[in-house]
Each structure stands twice: as structure tokens, then as C-alpha cells.
């Protein structure tokens, strides 16, 4: 088992028990499970998850809440995207004549 995976599982166990995730607690849990992990991994995980609500992060994975916001941004940028697409088409058309060796008179 990789160090990252083992530390992830340990963090999930601590979260499930409503225990604060610290490097020492991760190391203790991993040691009890007889898994050897360098202390850098537990330190990184503890710092990354410090002050975060892990349960909320897990329950919001793939949530549809982000879709309406993305749709609004896409709708607002649609006219600009259409203009850019037109410009690219015109540029491509001009460049294609040059690529074939044709010269406009």
C-alpha cells in the first residue's frame, strides 16, 4: 500500500470519528495499523486538511451545484466566444491561401 493511500485512509478514519487531523494522530493510527509511512506524508496531509471540513468536501464531490454557475459564465461569455471563432475562421481562410502558394492579385 502506498504512503499516500495509507495516510488518506487514516485521515478518513479520524474524520469519521470526529477527531482533529494532526500529523501525530495520523502517525499513531498508521503505526497501530502496522503501516510504515515517512513523517513527511502525515505532515503534508495534516497541513492540507487543517481547518477543512473533510466530510463536506467528500459529500460535495460531483455535486450539481457548480453546474448552474458554470452555465451562467458560459452564457455571459458566449458572444465573445462567437466573435473569437469568427476571427479565427477568417485568419485560417487567409492563411490557407498562403500555404498553397497562391497569391492574390
C-alpha atoms as a PDB file:
ATOM      1  CA  UNK A   1       0.000   0.000   0.000  1.00  0.00           C
ATOM      2  CA  UNK A   2       1.367   3.416  -0.921  1.00  0.00           C
ATOM      3  CA  UNK A   3       2.106   6.048   1.699  1.00  0.00           C
ATOM      4  CA  UNK A   4      -0.423   8.439   0.188  1.00  0.00           C
ATOM      5  CA  UNK A   5      -3.210   5.873   0.233  1.00  0.00           C
ATOM      6  CA  UNK A   6      -2.485   4.756   3.779  1.00  0.00           C
ATOM      7  CA  UNK A   7      -2.412   8.349   5.014  1.00  0.00           C
ATOM      8  CA  UNK A   8      -5.654   9.103   3.164  1.00  0.00           C
ATOM      9  CA  UNK A   9      -7.368   6.188   4.856  1.00  0.00           C
ATOM     10  CA  UNK A  10      -6.038   7.292   8.235  1.00  0.00           C
ATOM     11  CA  UNK A  11      -7.375  10.815   7.639  1.00  0.00           C
ATOM     12  CA  UNK A  12     -10.771   9.398   6.703  1.00  0.00           C
ATOM     13  CA  UNK A  13     -10.844   7.290   9.868  1.00  0.00           C
ATOM     14  CA  UNK A  14     -10.049  10.330  12.009  1.00  0.00           C
ATOM     15  CA  UNK A  15     -12.708  12.349  10.207  1.00  0.00           C
ATOM     16  CA  UNK A  16     -15.278   9.595  10.716  1.00  0.00           C
ATOM     17  CA  UNK A  17     -14.537   9.617  14.458  1.00  0.00           C
ATOM     18  CA  UNK A  18     -14.780  13.445  14.558  1.00  0.00           C
ATOM     19  CA  UNK A  19     -11.149  13.692  15.640  1.00  0.00           C
ATOM     20  CA  UNK A  20      -8.954  16.599  14.550  1.00  0.00           C
ATOM     21  CA  UNK A  21      -6.474  15.565  11.867  1.00  0.00           C
ATOM     22  CA  UNK A  22      -2.898  16.156  13.013  1.00  0.00           C
ATOM     23  CA  UNK A  23       0.377  14.665  11.928  1.00  0.00           C
ATOM     24  CA  UNK A  24       0.829  12.927  15.289  1.00  0.00           C
ATOM     25  CA  UNK A  25      -2.637  11.365  15.206  1.00  0.00           C
ATOM     26  CA  UNK A  26      -2.114  10.161  11.640  1.00  0.00           C
ATOM     27  CA  UNK A  27       1.254   8.626  12.609  1.00  0.00           C
ATOM     28  CA  UNK A  28      -0.287   6.952  15.676  1.00  0.00           C
ATOM     29  CA  UNK A  29      -3.100   5.443  13.636  1.00  0.00           C
ATOM     30  CA  UNK A  30      -0.730   4.226  10.915  1.00  0.00           C
ATOM     31  CA  UNK A  31       1.628   2.740  13.484  1.00  0.00           C
ATOM     32  CA  UNK A  32      -1.304   0.902  15.115  1.00  0.00           C
ATOM     33  CA  UNK A  33      -2.186  -0.495  11.681  1.00  0.00           C
ATOM     34  CA  UNK A  34       1.425  -1.630  11.288  1.00  0.00           C
ATOM     35  CA  UNK A  35       1.952   0.595   8.226  1.00  0.00           C
ATOM     36  CA  UNK A  36       5.270   2.376   7.829  1.00  0.00           C
ATOM     37  CA  UNK A  37       4.948   5.869   6.332  1.00  0.00           C
ATOM     38  CA  UNK A  38       7.501   8.650   6.256  1.00  0.00           C
ATOM     39  CA  UNK A  39       6.529  11.525   8.511  1.00  0.00           C
ATOM     40  CA  UNK A  40       6.520  13.935   5.571  1.00  0.00           C
ATOM     41  CA  UNK A  41       3.270  12.383   4.307  1.00  0.00           C
ATOM     42  CA  UNK A  42       1.444  12.794   7.577  1.00  0.00           C
ATOM     43  CA  UNK A  43       2.696  16.370   7.877  1.00  0.00           C
ATOM     44  CA  UNK A  44       1.561  17.207   4.337  1.00  0.00           C
ATOM     45  CA  UNK A  45      -1.878  15.699   4.853  1.00  0.00           C
ATOM     46  CA  UNK A  46      -2.338  17.384   8.223  1.00  0.00           C
ATOM     47  CA  UNK A  47      -1.385  20.792   6.803  1.00  0.00           C
ATOM     48  CA  UNK A  48      -3.538  20.333   3.707  1.00  0.00           C
ATOM     49  CA  UNK A  49      -6.604  19.350   5.729  1.00  0.00           C
ATOM     50  CA  UNK A  50      -6.079  21.804   8.582  1.00  0.00           C
ATOM     51  CA  UNK A  51      -9.267  23.785   9.146  1.00  0.00           C
ATOM     52  CA  UNK A  52     -11.088  21.977   6.321  1.00  0.00           C
ATOM     53  CA  UNK A  53     -14.397  20.177   6.682  1.00  0.00           C
ATOM     54  CA  UNK A  54     -13.443  16.833   5.144  1.00  0.00           C
ATOM     55  CA  UNK A  55     -16.985  15.457   5.408  1.00  0.00           C
ATOM     56  CA  UNK A  56     -18.341  18.426   3.440  1.00  0.00           C
ATOM     57  CA  UNK A  57     -15.619  18.014   0.816  1.00  0.00           C
ATOM     58  CA  UNK A  58     -16.500  14.346   0.390  1.00  0.00           C
ATOM     59  CA  UNK A  59     -20.236  14.916   0.243  1.00  0.00           C
ATOM     60  CA  UNK A  60     -19.873  17.658  -2.395  1.00  0.00           C
ATOM     61  CA  UNK A  61     -17.834  15.610  -4.853  1.00  0.00           C
ATOM     62  CA  UNK A  62     -19.657  15.685  -8.149  1.00  0.00           C
ATOM     63  CA  UNK A  63     -22.456  17.847  -6.762  1.00  0.00           C
ATOM     64  CA  UNK A  64     -24.611  19.615  -9.330  1.00  0.00           C
ATOM     65  CA  UNK A  65     -24.186  22.930  -7.510  1.00  0.00           C
ATOM     66  CA  UNK A  66     -21.314  24.003  -9.742  1.00  0.00           C
ATOM     67  CA  UNK A  67     -23.209  23.442 -12.996  1.00  0.00           C
ATOM     68  CA  UNK A  68     -25.541  26.472 -12.811  1.00  0.00           C
ATOM     69  CA  UNK A  69     -22.624  28.776 -12.050  1.00  0.00           C
ATOM     70  CA  UNK A  70     -20.665  27.382 -14.975  1.00  0.00           C
ATOM     71  CA  UNK A  71     -23.709  27.766 -17.210  1.00  0.00           C
ATOM     72  CA  UNK A  72     -24.085  31.425 -16.269  1.00  0.00           C
ATOM     73  CA  UNK A  73     -20.437  32.100 -17.031  1.00  0.00           C
ATOM     74  CA  UNK A  74     -20.697  30.311 -20.368  1.00  0.00           C
ATOM     75  CA  UNK A  75     -23.814  32.283 -21.306  1.00  0.00           C
ATOM     76  CA  UNK A  76     -22.139  35.563 -20.435  1.00  0.00           C
ATOM     77  CA  UNK A  77     -19.066  34.687 -22.491  1.00  0.00           C
ATOM     78  CA  UNK A  78     -20.964  33.264 -25.476  1.00  0.00           C
ATOM     79  CA  UNK A  79     -20.983  36.456 -27.619  1.00  0.00           C
ATOM     80  CA  UNK A  80     -17.274  36.963 -27.077  1.00  0.00           C
ATOM     81  CA  UNK A  81     -16.574  33.325 -27.918  1.00  0.00           C
ATOM     82  CA  UNK A  82     -18.597  33.626 -31.129  1.00  0.00           C
ATOM     83  CA  UNK A  83     -16.612  36.711 -32.173  1.00  0.00           C
ATOM     84  CA  UNK A  84     -13.312  34.928 -31.500  1.00  0.00           C
ATOM     85  CA  UNK A  85     -14.465  31.917 -33.515  1.00  0.00           C
ATOM     86  CA  UNK A  86     -15.322  34.212 -36.460  1.00  0.00           C
ATOM     87  CA  UNK A  87     -11.904  35.872 -36.262  1.00  0.00           C
ATOM     88  CA  UNK A  88     -10.166  32.502 -36.225  1.00  0.00           C
ATOM     89  CA  UNK A  89     -12.141  31.356 -39.257  1.00  0.00           C
ATOM     90  CA  UNK A  90     -11.147  34.493 -41.176  1.00  0.00           C
ATOM     91  CA  UNK A  91      -7.488  34.089 -40.174  1.00  0.00           C
ATOM     92  CA  UNK A  92      -7.496  30.426 -41.133  1.00  0.00           C
ATOM     93  CA  UNK A  93      -9.018  31.280 -44.502  1.00  0.00           C
ATOM     94  CA  UNK A  94      -6.325  33.867 -45.200  1.00  0.00           C
ATOM     95  CA  UNK A  95      -3.538  31.551 -44.043  1.00  0.00           C
ATOM     96  CA  UNK A  96      -4.793  28.642 -46.141  1.00  0.00           C
ATOM     97  CA  UNK A  97      -4.249  30.614 -49.365  1.00  0.00           C
ATOM     98  CA  UNK A  98      -0.650  31.328 -48.381  1.00  0.00           C
ATOM     99  CA  UNK A  99       0.030  27.697 -47.553  1.00  0.00           C
ATOM    100  CA  UNK A 100      -0.874  26.578 -51.075  1.00  0.00           C
ATOM    101  CA  UNK A 101       1.406  29.097 -52.750  1.00  0.00           C
ATOM    102  CA  UNK A 102      -1.436  31.139 -54.228  1.00  0.00           C
ATOM    103  CA  UNK A 103      -1.029  34.863 -54.337  1.00  0.00           C
ATOM    104  CA  UNK A 104      -3.958  37.241 -54.534  1.00  0.00           C
ATOM    105  CA  UNK A 105      -3.723  39.875 -57.224  1.00  0.00           C
END
